């Protein structure tokens, strides 16, 4: 089982590297030059991001032994929601008019279709975060391993901000000026989640407890 978990975490990390790597302006413009449709690269980056977060959430749910979250992420219903999310984003993207390359389509965020396109992706991430917040908070309040509690608390905080970010994006469809603030929240979210994963990794090294060793964050 540990090898399977390791492969999942590796795949999640690989997808994250692809997603963020494609957002580097020089890389983005180079890759985008290979396509007939400008900014088609953004679709690949967003797909990689969705897959990365979906895999990560699935493995955290396995570590928490939460079948409901697993069903809504890795099960048939979860996979269906993931596919429908990307299809909706693809449809919205098809109707956007973005003549110049722009990572994340940030230069066109005032266009309602571009905002809706980005909102669909952020809403899905918020959906995943909403599924995990409760289980993570309960785990964070379960003694006696402080590092594990810290890891769960940091992850819960990160996914909570992801949910707040999603709400702000939806509100941004009707209220101007929320996008930039939401971008700041995204950065804080990433830092909290990374800190939570690092804390979990340290906990796995320190505690011999079998429950900890079954965590999806195990790396050896």
N, C-alpha and C. Protein backbone atom coordinates (compact mmCIF):
# COMPACT_ATOMS: atom_id res chain seq x y z
N UNK A 1 0.83 -1.22 0.00
CA UNK A 1 0.00 0.00 0.00
C UNK A 1 0.86 1.26 0.00
N UNK A 2 2.01 1.22 0.72
CA UNK A 2 2.85 2.41 0.80
C UNK A 2 3.36 2.82 -0.58
N UNK A 3 3.69 1.80 -1.44
CA UNK A 3 4.16 2.12 -2.78
C UNK A 3 3.06 2.82 -3.58
N UNK A 4 1.82 2.36 -3.42
CA UNK A 4 0.71 2.98 -4.12
C UNK A 4 0.51 4.42 -3.66
N UNK A 5 0.63 4.64 -2.35
CA UNK A 5 0.48 5.98 -1.80
C UNK A 5 1.60 6.88 -2.30
N UNK A 6 2.81 6.32 -2.31
CA UNK A 6 3.95 7.11 -2.78
C UNK A 6 3.75 7.54 -4.24
N UNK A 7 3.24 6.62 -5.06
CA UNK A 7 3.00 6.95 -6.46
C UNK A 7 1.96 8.06 -6.59
N UNK A 8 0.93 7.99 -5.74
CA UNK A 8 -0.12 9.02 -5.79
C UNK A 8 0.43 10.39 -5.41
N UNK A 9 1.21 10.42 -4.33
CA UNK A 9 1.80 11.69 -3.90
C UNK A 9 2.77 12.22 -4.95
N UNK A 10 3.55 11.31 -5.55
CA UNK A 10 4.48 11.72 -6.61
C UNK A 10 3.72 12.32 -7.79
N UNK A 11 2.62 11.66 -8.18
CA UNK A 11 1.82 12.13 -9.30
C UNK A 11 1.20 13.49 -8.99
N UNK A 12 0.73 13.66 -7.75
CA UNK A 12 0.15 14.93 -7.34
C UNK A 12 1.20 16.04 -7.43
N UNK A 13 2.40 15.74 -6.94
CA UNK A 13 3.48 16.72 -7.00
C UNK A 13 3.89 17.04 -8.42
N UNK A 14 3.93 16.02 -9.28
CA UNK A 14 4.29 16.21 -10.68
C UNK A 14 3.28 17.12 -11.38
N UNK A 15 2.00 16.86 -11.13
CA UNK A 15 0.95 17.69 -11.73
C UNK A 15 1.05 19.14 -11.24
N UNK A 16 1.38 19.31 -9.96
CA UNK A 16 1.52 20.66 -9.41
C UNK A 16 2.70 21.38 -10.06
N UNK A 17 3.81 20.66 -10.27
CA UNK A 17 4.98 21.25 -10.92
C UNK A 17 4.63 21.69 -12.34
N UNK A 18 3.90 20.83 -13.06
CA UNK A 18 3.48 21.17 -14.42
C UNK A 18 2.58 22.41 -14.40
N UNK A 19 1.61 22.42 -13.49
CA UNK A 19 0.66 23.53 -13.42
C UNK A 19 1.36 24.85 -13.15
N UNK A 20 2.22 24.88 -12.14
CA UNK A 20 2.89 26.13 -11.78
C UNK A 20 4.02 26.46 -12.75
N UNK A 21 4.65 25.41 -13.29
CA UNK A 21 5.70 25.65 -14.27
C UNK A 21 5.17 26.33 -15.52
N UNK A 22 3.99 25.92 -15.96
CA UNK A 22 3.39 26.52 -17.14
C UNK A 22 2.97 27.97 -16.91
N UNK A 23 2.84 28.37 -15.65
CA UNK A 23 2.45 29.73 -15.36
C UNK A 23 3.63 30.71 -15.37
N UNK A 24 4.86 30.19 -15.48
CA UNK A 24 6.02 31.07 -15.60
C UNK A 24 5.95 31.75 -16.98
N UNK A 25 5.94 33.08 -17.02
CA UNK A 25 5.69 33.79 -18.28
C UNK A 25 6.49 33.28 -19.48
N UNK A 26 7.81 33.09 -19.31
CA UNK A 26 8.62 32.63 -20.43
C UNK A 26 8.23 31.25 -20.91
N UNK A 27 7.99 30.36 -19.97
CA UNK A 27 7.56 29.00 -20.31
C UNK A 27 6.18 29.03 -20.95
N UNK A 28 5.30 29.82 -20.36
CA UNK A 28 3.92 29.93 -20.86
C UNK A 28 3.90 30.38 -22.32
N UNK A 29 4.65 31.43 -22.62
CA UNK A 29 4.65 31.97 -23.98
C UNK A 29 5.27 30.97 -24.97
N UNK A 30 6.32 30.26 -24.52
CA UNK A 30 6.96 29.28 -25.40
C UNK A 30 5.98 28.15 -25.75
N UNK A 31 5.35 27.59 -24.73
CA UNK A 31 4.41 26.49 -24.95
C UNK A 31 3.20 26.97 -25.74
N UNK A 32 2.73 28.17 -25.42
CA UNK A 32 1.53 28.68 -26.09
C UNK A 32 1.77 28.90 -27.58
N UNK A 33 3.02 29.13 -27.94
CA UNK A 33 3.34 29.31 -29.35
C UNK A 33 3.15 28.06 -30.18
N UNK A 34 2.99 26.92 -29.53
CA UNK A 34 2.79 25.65 -30.23
C UNK A 34 1.34 25.43 -30.65
N UNK A 35 0.43 26.25 -30.12
CA UNK A 35 -1.00 26.07 -30.38
C UNK A 35 -1.54 27.15 -31.31
N UNK A 36 -2.56 26.79 -32.06
CA UNK A 36 -3.21 27.76 -32.93
C UNK A 36 -4.03 28.76 -32.13
N UNK A 37 -4.64 28.27 -31.03
CA UNK A 37 -5.49 29.14 -30.20
C UNK A 37 -4.65 29.72 -29.07
N UNK A 38 -4.61 31.05 -29.00
CA UNK A 38 -3.84 31.73 -27.95
C UNK A 38 -4.40 31.40 -26.57
N UNK A 39 -3.49 31.20 -25.63
CA UNK A 39 -3.81 30.90 -24.23
C UNK A 39 -4.38 29.49 -24.02
N UNK A 40 -4.24 28.64 -25.03
CA UNK A 40 -4.66 27.25 -24.85
C UNK A 40 -3.84 26.58 -23.76
N UNK A 41 -2.62 27.07 -23.55
CA UNK A 41 -1.75 26.55 -22.51
C UNK A 41 -2.39 26.63 -21.13
N UNK A 42 -3.19 27.69 -20.93
CA UNK A 42 -3.83 27.86 -19.61
C UNK A 42 -4.76 26.70 -19.28
N UNK A 43 -5.40 26.13 -20.29
CA UNK A 43 -6.27 24.98 -20.06
C UNK A 43 -5.48 23.79 -19.53
N UNK A 44 -4.30 23.55 -20.10
CA UNK A 44 -3.45 22.44 -19.63
C UNK A 44 -2.97 22.69 -18.20
N UNK A 45 -2.62 23.94 -17.91
CA UNK A 45 -2.17 24.28 -16.56
C UNK A 45 -3.29 24.06 -15.55
N UNK A 46 -4.49 24.45 -15.91
CA UNK A 46 -5.62 24.30 -14.99
C UNK A 46 -6.00 22.83 -14.81
N UNK A 47 -5.91 22.04 -15.89
CA UNK A 47 -6.19 20.61 -15.77
C UNK A 47 -5.16 19.95 -14.85
N UNK A 48 -3.89 20.30 -15.00
CA UNK A 48 -2.85 19.75 -14.13
C UNK A 48 -3.10 20.14 -12.68
N UNK A 49 -3.53 21.38 -12.46
CA UNK A 49 -3.82 21.85 -11.10
C UNK A 49 -4.98 21.08 -10.49
N UNK A 50 -6.05 20.88 -11.27
CA UNK A 50 -7.21 20.14 -10.78
C UNK A 50 -6.82 18.71 -10.40
N UNK A 51 -6.04 18.06 -11.25
CA UNK A 51 -5.62 16.68 -10.98
C UNK A 51 -4.73 16.63 -9.74
N UNK A 52 -3.83 17.58 -9.61
CA UNK A 52 -2.92 17.60 -8.46
C UNK A 52 -3.69 17.71 -7.15
N UNK A 53 -4.62 18.65 -7.08
CA UNK A 53 -5.37 18.86 -5.84
C UNK A 53 -6.33 17.71 -5.58
N UNK A 54 -6.94 17.18 -6.64
CA UNK A 54 -7.84 16.04 -6.47
C UNK A 54 -7.10 14.85 -5.87
N UNK A 55 -5.93 14.54 -6.41
CA UNK A 55 -5.14 13.40 -5.91
C UNK A 55 -4.73 13.64 -4.46
N UNK A 56 -4.28 14.86 -4.17
CA UNK A 56 -3.86 15.18 -2.80
C UNK A 56 -5.01 15.03 -1.82
N UNK A 57 -6.17 15.56 -2.17
CA UNK A 57 -7.33 15.46 -1.28
C UNK A 57 -7.75 14.00 -1.08
N UNK A 58 -7.69 13.21 -2.15
CA UNK A 58 -8.02 11.78 -2.04
C UNK A 58 -7.11 11.08 -1.04
N UNK A 59 -5.80 11.38 -1.12
CA UNK A 59 -4.86 10.71 -0.23
C UNK A 59 -4.98 11.18 1.21
N UNK A 60 -5.27 12.46 1.40
CA UNK A 60 -5.52 12.96 2.76
C UNK A 60 -6.77 12.29 3.33
N UNK A 61 -7.80 12.13 2.49
CA UNK A 61 -9.03 11.47 2.93
C UNK A 61 -8.75 10.02 3.33
N UNK A 62 -7.88 9.35 2.57
CA UNK A 62 -7.50 7.97 2.93
C UNK A 62 -6.77 7.95 4.27
N UNK A 63 -5.88 8.92 4.46
CA UNK A 63 -5.15 9.00 5.73
C UNK A 63 -6.10 9.22 6.90
N UNK A 64 -7.16 9.98 6.66
CA UNK A 64 -8.14 10.26 7.71
C UNK A 64 -9.21 9.18 7.80
N UNK A 65 -9.13 8.19 6.88
CA UNK A 65 -10.10 7.09 6.83
C UNK A 65 -11.53 7.61 6.72
N UNK A 66 -11.73 8.47 5.75
CA UNK A 66 -13.05 9.10 5.56
C UNK A 66 -13.64 8.64 4.23
N UNK A 67 -14.50 7.62 4.24
CA UNK A 67 -15.06 7.09 3.00
C UNK A 67 -15.95 8.08 2.25
N UNK A 68 -16.62 8.96 2.98
CA UNK A 68 -17.50 9.94 2.31
C UNK A 68 -16.70 10.87 1.41
N UNK A 69 -15.60 11.41 1.94
CA UNK A 69 -14.78 12.30 1.14
C UNK A 69 -14.16 11.55 -0.03
N UNK A 70 -13.75 10.31 0.21
CA UNK A 70 -13.19 9.49 -0.87
C UNK A 70 -14.22 9.27 -1.99
N UNK A 71 -15.46 9.02 -1.60
CA UNK A 71 -16.52 8.77 -2.59
C UNK A 71 -16.76 10.03 -3.43
N UNK A 72 -16.66 11.19 -2.79
CA UNK A 72 -16.95 12.44 -3.48
C UNK A 72 -15.74 13.03 -4.20
N UNK A 73 -14.62 12.32 -4.15
CA UNK A 73 -13.43 12.77 -4.86
C UNK A 73 -12.90 11.70 -5.81
N UNK A 74 -12.70 10.48 -5.28
CA UNK A 74 -12.13 9.40 -6.09
C UNK A 74 -13.18 8.45 -6.64
N UNK A 75 -14.39 8.48 -6.08
CA UNK A 75 -15.45 7.60 -6.55
C UNK A 75 -16.06 8.08 -7.86
N UNK A 76 -17.07 7.36 -8.32
CA UNK A 76 -17.72 7.71 -9.59
C UNK A 76 -18.28 9.12 -9.55
N UNK A 77 -18.94 9.47 -8.44
CA UNK A 77 -19.52 10.82 -8.35
C UNK A 77 -18.42 11.87 -8.34
N UNK A 78 -17.33 11.57 -7.64
CA UNK A 78 -16.22 12.51 -7.58
C UNK A 78 -15.56 12.72 -8.93
N UNK A 79 -15.36 11.63 -9.66
CA UNK A 79 -14.76 11.72 -11.00
C UNK A 79 -15.69 12.45 -11.96
N UNK A 80 -16.98 12.22 -11.80
CA UNK A 80 -17.95 12.90 -12.66
C UNK A 80 -17.92 14.41 -12.44
N UNK A 81 -17.83 14.83 -11.18
CA UNK A 81 -17.77 16.25 -10.86
C UNK A 81 -16.50 16.87 -11.43
N UNK A 82 -15.38 16.14 -11.34
CA UNK A 82 -14.12 16.63 -11.89
C UNK A 82 -14.22 16.83 -13.40
N UNK A 83 -14.75 15.84 -14.09
CA UNK A 83 -14.89 15.92 -15.55
C UNK A 83 -15.83 17.05 -15.95
N UNK A 84 -16.98 17.15 -15.28
CA UNK A 84 -17.94 18.21 -15.61
C UNK A 84 -17.34 19.60 -15.36
N UNK A 85 -16.54 19.72 -14.31
CA UNK A 85 -15.89 20.99 -14.03
C UNK A 85 -14.98 21.41 -15.18
N UNK A 86 -14.16 20.46 -15.63
CA UNK A 86 -13.24 20.80 -16.72
C UNK A 86 -13.98 21.05 -18.03
N UNK A 87 -15.02 20.29 -18.29
CA UNK A 87 -15.80 20.49 -19.51
C UNK A 87 -16.44 21.88 -19.51
N UNK A 88 -16.98 22.28 -18.36
CA UNK A 88 -17.58 23.62 -18.25
C UNK A 88 -16.53 24.70 -18.47
N UNK A 89 -15.34 24.49 -17.88
CA UNK A 89 -14.25 25.45 -18.08
C UNK A 89 -13.86 25.51 -19.55
N UNK A 90 -13.82 24.37 -20.20
CA UNK A 90 -13.47 24.31 -21.62
C UNK A 90 -14.48 25.07 -22.47
N UNK A 91 -15.75 24.90 -22.16
CA UNK A 91 -16.81 25.60 -22.91
C UNK A 91 -16.69 27.11 -22.74
N UNK A 92 -16.47 27.54 -21.48
CA UNK A 92 -16.33 28.98 -21.23
C UNK A 92 -15.10 29.54 -21.94
N UNK A 93 -14.00 28.77 -21.89
CA UNK A 93 -12.77 29.20 -22.55
C UNK A 93 -13.00 29.38 -24.06
N UNK A 94 -13.79 28.50 -24.65
CA UNK A 94 -14.02 28.54 -26.10
C UNK A 94 -14.67 29.85 -26.53
N UNK A 95 -15.40 30.51 -25.62
CA UNK A 95 -16.10 31.74 -25.98
C UNK A 95 -15.34 33.00 -25.56
N UNK A 96 -14.16 32.82 -24.95
CA UNK A 96 -13.38 33.99 -24.54
C UNK A 96 -12.61 34.56 -25.74
N UNK A 97 -12.28 35.82 -25.65
CA UNK A 97 -11.49 36.49 -26.68
C UNK A 97 -10.23 37.03 -26.03
N UNK A 98 -9.11 36.28 -26.15
CA UNK A 98 -7.85 36.64 -25.49
C UNK A 98 -6.72 36.59 -26.52
N UNK A 99 -6.54 37.63 -27.28
CA UNK A 99 -5.60 37.61 -28.40
C UNK A 99 -4.12 37.53 -28.02
N UNK A 100 -3.74 37.96 -26.82
CA UNK A 100 -2.34 37.93 -26.41
C UNK A 100 -2.15 36.94 -25.27
N UNK A 101 -1.00 36.23 -25.23
CA UNK A 101 -0.74 35.27 -24.15
C UNK A 101 -0.77 35.95 -22.79
N UNK A 102 -1.42 35.30 -21.83
CA UNK A 102 -1.51 35.84 -20.47
C UNK A 102 -1.73 34.70 -19.49
N UNK A 103 -0.72 34.32 -18.70
CA UNK A 103 -0.88 33.24 -17.73
C UNK A 103 -2.08 33.48 -16.82
N UNK A 104 -2.94 32.46 -16.72
CA UNK A 104 -4.14 32.61 -15.90
C UNK A 104 -5.17 33.54 -16.50
N UNK A 105 -4.87 34.04 -17.70
CA UNK A 105 -5.73 35.03 -18.36
C UNK A 105 -5.93 36.27 -17.49
N UNK A 106 -4.91 36.56 -16.66
CA UNK A 106 -5.02 37.67 -15.72
C UNK A 106 -5.22 39.02 -16.40
N UNK A 107 -4.68 39.17 -17.62
CA UNK A 107 -4.82 40.44 -18.32
C UNK A 107 -6.24 40.68 -18.80
N UNK A 108 -7.07 39.63 -18.77
CA UNK A 108 -8.44 39.74 -19.29
C UNK A 108 -9.49 39.49 -18.20
N UNK A 109 -9.06 39.60 -16.94
CA UNK A 109 -9.95 39.22 -15.85
C UNK A 109 -11.20 40.10 -15.77
N UNK A 110 -11.17 41.28 -16.39
CA UNK A 110 -12.35 42.16 -16.40
C UNK A 110 -13.43 41.66 -17.36
N UNK A 111 -13.06 40.71 -18.22
CA UNK A 111 -14.04 40.10 -19.12
C UNK A 111 -14.88 39.10 -18.32
N UNK A 112 -16.19 39.26 -18.29
CA UNK A 112 -17.05 38.36 -17.49
C UNK A 112 -16.85 36.88 -17.83
N UNK A 113 -16.61 36.55 -19.10
CA UNK A 113 -16.41 35.15 -19.47
C UNK A 113 -15.09 34.61 -18.91
N UNK A 114 -14.06 35.43 -18.93
CA UNK A 114 -12.76 35.01 -18.36
C UNK A 114 -12.89 34.83 -16.86
N UNK A 115 -13.58 35.74 -16.21
CA UNK A 115 -13.79 35.63 -14.77
C UNK A 115 -14.58 34.38 -14.44
N UNK A 116 -15.61 34.10 -15.23
CA UNK A 116 -16.41 32.89 -15.00
C UNK A 116 -15.57 31.63 -15.22
N UNK A 117 -14.72 31.66 -16.23
CA UNK A 117 -13.82 30.53 -16.53
C UNK A 117 -12.90 30.24 -15.35
N UNK A 118 -12.29 31.28 -14.80
CA UNK A 118 -11.42 31.10 -13.63
C UNK A 118 -12.21 30.70 -12.39
N UNK A 119 -13.42 31.22 -12.29
CA UNK A 119 -14.26 30.93 -11.13
C UNK A 119 -14.62 29.45 -11.06
N UNK A 120 -14.87 28.83 -12.20
CA UNK A 120 -15.21 27.41 -12.23
C UNK A 120 -14.09 26.58 -11.61
N UNK A 121 -12.85 26.90 -11.95
CA UNK A 121 -11.70 26.16 -11.42
C UNK A 121 -11.57 26.39 -9.92
N UNK A 122 -11.63 27.65 -9.51
CA UNK A 122 -11.49 27.98 -8.09
C UNK A 122 -12.63 27.38 -7.27
N UNK A 123 -13.83 27.36 -7.84
CA UNK A 123 -14.99 26.79 -7.15
C UNK A 123 -14.78 25.29 -6.89
N UNK A 124 -14.20 24.59 -7.85
CA UNK A 124 -13.94 23.16 -7.67
C UNK A 124 -12.94 22.94 -6.54
N UNK A 125 -11.90 23.77 -6.51
CA UNK A 125 -10.91 23.66 -5.43
C UNK A 125 -11.57 23.96 -4.09
N UNK A 126 -12.46 24.96 -4.06
CA UNK A 126 -13.19 25.27 -2.84
C UNK A 126 -14.08 24.11 -2.41
N UNK A 127 -14.68 23.44 -3.40
CA UNK A 127 -15.51 22.26 -3.12
C UNK A 127 -14.69 21.16 -2.43
N UNK A 128 -13.50 20.90 -2.95
CA UNK A 128 -12.64 19.89 -2.33
C UNK A 128 -12.25 20.31 -0.91
N UNK A 129 -11.95 21.60 -0.76
CA UNK A 129 -11.60 22.10 0.56
C UNK A 129 -12.74 21.94 1.55
N UNK A 130 -13.95 22.23 1.10
CA UNK A 130 -15.12 22.12 1.98
C UNK A 130 -15.31 20.68 2.47
N UNK A 131 -14.98 19.71 1.63
CA UNK A 131 -15.12 18.31 2.02
C UNK A 131 -14.15 17.93 3.15
N UNK A 132 -12.98 18.54 3.13
CA UNK A 132 -11.92 18.13 4.07
C UNK A 132 -11.89 18.92 5.38
N UNK A 133 -12.47 20.10 5.39
CA UNK A 133 -12.34 20.96 6.57
C UNK A 133 -12.80 20.26 7.84
N UNK A 134 -14.01 19.69 7.83
CA UNK A 134 -14.54 19.03 9.02
C UNK A 134 -13.66 17.89 9.51
N UNK A 135 -13.32 16.91 8.66
CA UNK A 135 -12.44 15.81 9.08
C UNK A 135 -11.08 16.29 9.58
N UNK A 136 -10.52 17.31 8.95
CA UNK A 136 -9.21 17.81 9.38
C UNK A 136 -9.30 18.49 10.74
N UNK A 137 -10.36 19.25 10.96
CA UNK A 137 -10.53 19.92 12.26
C UNK A 137 -10.69 18.88 13.36
N UNK A 138 -11.45 17.83 13.10
CA UNK A 138 -11.61 16.77 14.10
C UNK A 138 -10.27 16.09 14.38
N UNK A 139 -9.50 15.86 13.34
CA UNK A 139 -8.21 15.22 13.52
C UNK A 139 -7.25 16.13 14.27
N UNK A 140 -7.35 17.43 14.03
CA UNK A 140 -6.48 18.39 14.71
C UNK A 140 -6.78 18.46 16.21
N UNK A 141 -7.96 18.03 16.61
CA UNK A 141 -8.36 18.08 18.02
C UNK A 141 -8.18 16.72 18.70
N UNK A 142 -7.56 15.78 17.99
CA UNK A 142 -7.37 14.43 18.53
C UNK A 142 -5.95 14.27 19.07
N UNK A 143 -5.77 14.11 20.38
CA UNK A 143 -4.44 13.90 20.94
C UNK A 143 -3.99 12.46 20.65
N UNK A 144 -2.70 12.08 20.92
CA UNK A 144 -1.74 12.90 21.67
C UNK A 144 -0.64 13.47 20.81
N UNK A 145 -0.61 13.21 19.51
CA UNK A 145 0.55 13.59 18.69
C UNK A 145 0.42 15.03 18.21
N UNK A 146 1.22 15.92 18.81
CA UNK A 146 1.11 17.35 18.53
C UNK A 146 1.44 17.69 17.08
N UNK A 147 2.44 17.04 16.52
CA UNK A 147 2.82 17.35 15.14
C UNK A 147 1.71 16.99 14.17
N UNK A 148 1.08 15.85 14.43
CA UNK A 148 -0.04 15.45 13.57
C UNK A 148 -1.18 16.45 13.71
N UNK A 149 -1.44 16.88 14.95
CA UNK A 149 -2.49 17.87 15.17
C UNK A 149 -2.16 19.18 14.44
N UNK A 150 -0.88 19.57 14.50
CA UNK A 150 -0.45 20.79 13.82
C UNK A 150 -0.63 20.67 12.32
N UNK A 151 -0.24 19.51 11.78
CA UNK A 151 -0.37 19.27 10.33
C UNK A 151 -1.84 19.38 9.90
N UNK A 152 -2.72 18.74 10.66
CA UNK A 152 -4.13 18.78 10.32
C UNK A 152 -4.70 20.19 10.45
N UNK A 153 -4.24 20.92 11.48
CA UNK A 153 -4.72 22.30 11.67
C UNK A 153 -4.29 23.20 10.52
N UNK A 154 -3.05 23.05 10.09
CA UNK A 154 -2.55 23.87 8.98
C UNK A 154 -3.28 23.54 7.68
N UNK A 155 -3.51 22.24 7.45
CA UNK A 155 -4.23 21.84 6.25
C UNK A 155 -5.67 22.34 6.30
N UNK A 156 -6.29 22.26 7.48
CA UNK A 156 -7.66 22.74 7.64
C UNK A 156 -7.74 24.25 7.35
N UNK A 157 -6.74 24.99 7.86
CA UNK A 157 -6.72 26.44 7.63
C UNK A 157 -6.54 26.73 6.14
N UNK A 158 -5.64 25.98 5.50
CA UNK A 158 -5.40 26.18 4.07
C UNK A 158 -6.63 25.90 3.23
N UNK A 159 -7.30 24.78 3.50
CA UNK A 159 -8.48 24.43 2.72
C UNK A 159 -9.65 25.35 3.05
N UNK A 160 -9.68 25.89 4.28
CA UNK A 160 -10.72 26.87 4.62
C UNK A 160 -10.55 28.13 3.79
N UNK A 161 -9.29 28.57 3.64
CA UNK A 161 -9.05 29.75 2.80
C UNK A 161 -9.38 29.48 1.34
N UNK A 162 -9.16 28.23 0.91
CA UNK A 162 -9.53 27.86 -0.46
C UNK A 162 -11.03 28.02 -0.67
N UNK A 163 -11.80 27.67 0.36
CA UNK A 163 -13.25 27.83 0.29
C UNK A 163 -13.63 29.31 0.26
N UNK A 164 -12.96 30.10 1.11
CA UNK A 164 -13.21 31.55 1.12
C UNK A 164 -12.87 32.15 -0.23
N UNK A 165 -11.76 31.71 -0.81
CA UNK A 165 -11.35 32.18 -2.14
C UNK A 165 -12.41 31.88 -3.18
N UNK A 166 -12.99 30.69 -3.09
CA UNK A 166 -14.04 30.31 -4.05
C UNK A 166 -15.26 31.21 -3.89
N UNK A 167 -15.64 31.49 -2.66
CA UNK A 167 -16.79 32.37 -2.40
C UNK A 167 -16.53 33.76 -2.96
N UNK A 168 -15.30 34.26 -2.77
CA UNK A 168 -14.96 35.59 -3.28
C UNK A 168 -14.99 35.62 -4.81
N UNK A 169 -14.55 34.53 -5.45
CA UNK A 169 -14.57 34.48 -6.90
C UNK A 169 -16.01 34.51 -7.42
N UNK A 170 -16.87 33.76 -6.77
CA UNK A 170 -18.28 33.76 -7.18
C UNK A 170 -18.87 35.15 -6.96
N UNK A 171 -18.53 35.77 -5.82
CA UNK A 171 -19.02 37.12 -5.55
C UNK A 171 -18.45 38.11 -6.56
N UNK A 172 -17.24 37.82 -7.04
CA UNK A 172 -16.60 38.70 -8.00
C UNK A 172 -17.31 38.76 -9.34
N UNK A 173 -18.18 37.78 -9.59
CA UNK A 173 -18.98 37.83 -10.81
C UNK A 173 -19.94 39.00 -10.79
N UNK A 174 -20.25 39.47 -9.58
CA UNK A 174 -21.18 40.59 -9.45
C UNK A 174 -20.55 41.83 -8.82
N UNK A 175 -19.41 41.63 -8.11
CA UNK A 175 -18.77 42.74 -7.40
C UNK A 175 -17.34 42.91 -7.94
N UNK A 176 -16.99 44.10 -8.37
CA UNK A 176 -15.66 44.37 -8.90
C UNK A 176 -14.63 44.49 -7.78
N UNK A 177 -13.37 44.21 -8.09
CA UNK A 177 -12.28 44.47 -7.16
C UNK A 177 -11.92 43.34 -6.23
N UNK A 178 -12.57 42.19 -6.33
CA UNK A 178 -12.29 41.09 -5.40
C UNK A 178 -11.21 40.15 -5.92
N UNK A 179 -10.91 40.22 -7.22
CA UNK A 179 -9.97 39.26 -7.80
C UNK A 179 -8.57 39.37 -7.20
N UNK A 180 -8.04 40.60 -7.10
CA UNK A 180 -6.69 40.79 -6.58
C UNK A 180 -6.56 40.31 -5.14
N UNK A 181 -7.58 40.60 -4.33
CA UNK A 181 -7.56 40.13 -2.94
C UNK A 181 -7.60 38.60 -2.90
N UNK A 182 -8.37 38.02 -3.80
CA UNK A 182 -8.44 36.57 -3.87
C UNK A 182 -7.11 35.96 -4.24
N UNK A 183 -6.32 36.63 -5.09
CA UNK A 183 -5.00 36.14 -5.46
C UNK A 183 -4.08 36.09 -4.25
N UNK A 184 -4.19 37.08 -3.38
CA UNK A 184 -3.40 37.08 -2.15
C UNK A 184 -3.79 35.89 -1.27
N UNK A 185 -5.09 35.63 -1.17
CA UNK A 185 -5.56 34.49 -0.40
C UNK A 185 -5.04 33.17 -0.97
N UNK A 186 -4.94 33.09 -2.29
CA UNK A 186 -4.43 31.88 -2.92
C UNK A 186 -2.99 31.62 -2.50
N UNK A 187 -2.19 32.69 -2.44
CA UNK A 187 -0.80 32.53 -2.00
C UNK A 187 -0.71 32.05 -0.56
N UNK A 188 -1.53 32.63 0.31
CA UNK A 188 -1.53 32.20 1.72
C UNK A 188 -2.00 30.76 1.84
N UNK A 189 -3.01 30.40 1.05
CA UNK A 189 -3.52 29.03 1.04
C UNK A 189 -2.42 28.04 0.70
N UNK A 190 -1.67 28.35 -0.36
CA UNK A 190 -0.58 27.47 -0.78
C UNK A 190 0.45 27.30 0.34
N UNK A 191 0.80 28.39 1.01
CA UNK A 191 1.78 28.32 2.09
C UNK A 191 1.28 27.46 3.25
N UNK A 192 0.01 27.61 3.60
CA UNK A 192 -0.56 26.82 4.70
C UNK A 192 -0.59 25.33 4.36
N UNK A 193 -1.00 25.00 3.14
CA UNK A 193 -1.07 23.60 2.73
C UNK A 193 0.33 22.98 2.69
N UNK A 194 1.29 23.71 2.13
CA UNK A 194 2.66 23.20 2.09
C UNK A 194 3.21 23.01 3.50
N UNK A 195 2.94 23.97 4.39
CA UNK A 195 3.39 23.85 5.78
C UNK A 195 2.74 22.65 6.46
N UNK A 196 1.47 22.40 6.16
CA UNK A 196 0.77 21.25 6.72
C UNK A 196 1.38 19.95 6.24
N UNK A 197 1.73 19.88 4.96
CA UNK A 197 2.32 18.67 4.41
C UNK A 197 3.71 18.42 5.00
N UNK A 198 4.48 19.50 5.18
CA UNK A 198 5.81 19.37 5.79
C UNK A 198 5.67 18.88 7.23
N UNK A 199 4.73 19.44 7.98
CA UNK A 199 4.50 19.00 9.36
C UNK A 199 4.09 17.54 9.42
N UNK A 200 3.25 17.12 8.46
CA UNK A 200 2.82 15.73 8.41
C UNK A 200 4.01 14.81 8.12
N UNK A 201 4.88 15.24 7.22
CA UNK A 201 6.07 14.45 6.88
C UNK A 201 6.98 14.28 8.10
N UNK A 202 7.16 15.37 8.86
CA UNK A 202 7.98 15.31 10.08
C UNK A 202 7.33 14.38 11.09
N UNK A 203 6.00 14.46 11.20
CA UNK A 203 5.28 13.60 12.14
C UNK A 203 5.47 12.13 11.79
N UNK A 204 5.46 11.82 10.52
CA UNK A 204 5.64 10.43 10.09
C UNK A 204 7.02 9.91 10.46
N UNK A 205 8.00 10.80 10.45
CA UNK A 205 9.36 10.41 10.82
C UNK A 205 9.52 10.23 12.33
N UNK A 206 8.74 10.97 13.08
CA UNK A 206 8.94 11.00 14.54
C UNK A 206 8.14 9.94 15.27
N UNK A 207 6.88 9.71 14.84
CA UNK A 207 5.99 8.84 15.60
C UNK A 207 5.93 7.44 15.00
N UNK A 208 6.05 6.41 15.82
CA UNK A 208 5.94 5.03 15.34
C UNK A 208 4.50 4.52 15.33
N UNK A 209 3.57 5.39 15.73
CA UNK A 209 2.17 4.97 15.85
C UNK A 209 1.66 4.42 14.51
N UNK A 210 1.04 3.22 14.49
CA UNK A 210 0.58 2.61 13.25
C UNK A 210 -0.38 3.49 12.45
N UNK A 211 -1.23 4.26 13.16
CA UNK A 211 -2.19 5.10 12.45
C UNK A 211 -1.46 6.15 11.62
N UNK A 212 -0.39 6.71 12.22
CA UNK A 212 0.40 7.69 11.50
C UNK A 212 1.09 7.04 10.31
N UNK A 213 1.62 5.83 10.51
CA UNK A 213 2.35 5.18 9.45
C UNK A 213 1.47 4.82 8.25
N UNK A 214 0.16 4.79 8.46
CA UNK A 214 -0.74 4.49 7.36
C UNK A 214 -1.14 5.75 6.59
N UNK A 215 -0.60 6.89 7.05
CA UNK A 215 -0.97 8.14 6.39
C UNK A 215 -0.58 8.15 4.93
N UNK A 216 -1.39 8.83 4.14
CA UNK A 216 -1.12 8.95 2.72
C UNK A 216 0.10 9.83 2.47
N UNK A 217 0.60 10.48 3.50
CA UNK A 217 1.73 11.38 3.32
C UNK A 217 3.05 10.67 3.59
N UNK A 218 2.99 9.37 3.79
CA UNK A 218 4.22 8.63 4.00
C UNK A 218 5.09 8.66 2.74
N UNK A 219 6.40 8.80 2.91
CA UNK A 219 7.26 8.94 1.74
C UNK A 219 8.29 7.82 1.63
N UNK A 220 8.31 6.86 2.51
CA UNK A 220 9.27 5.78 2.36
C UNK A 220 8.58 4.43 2.47
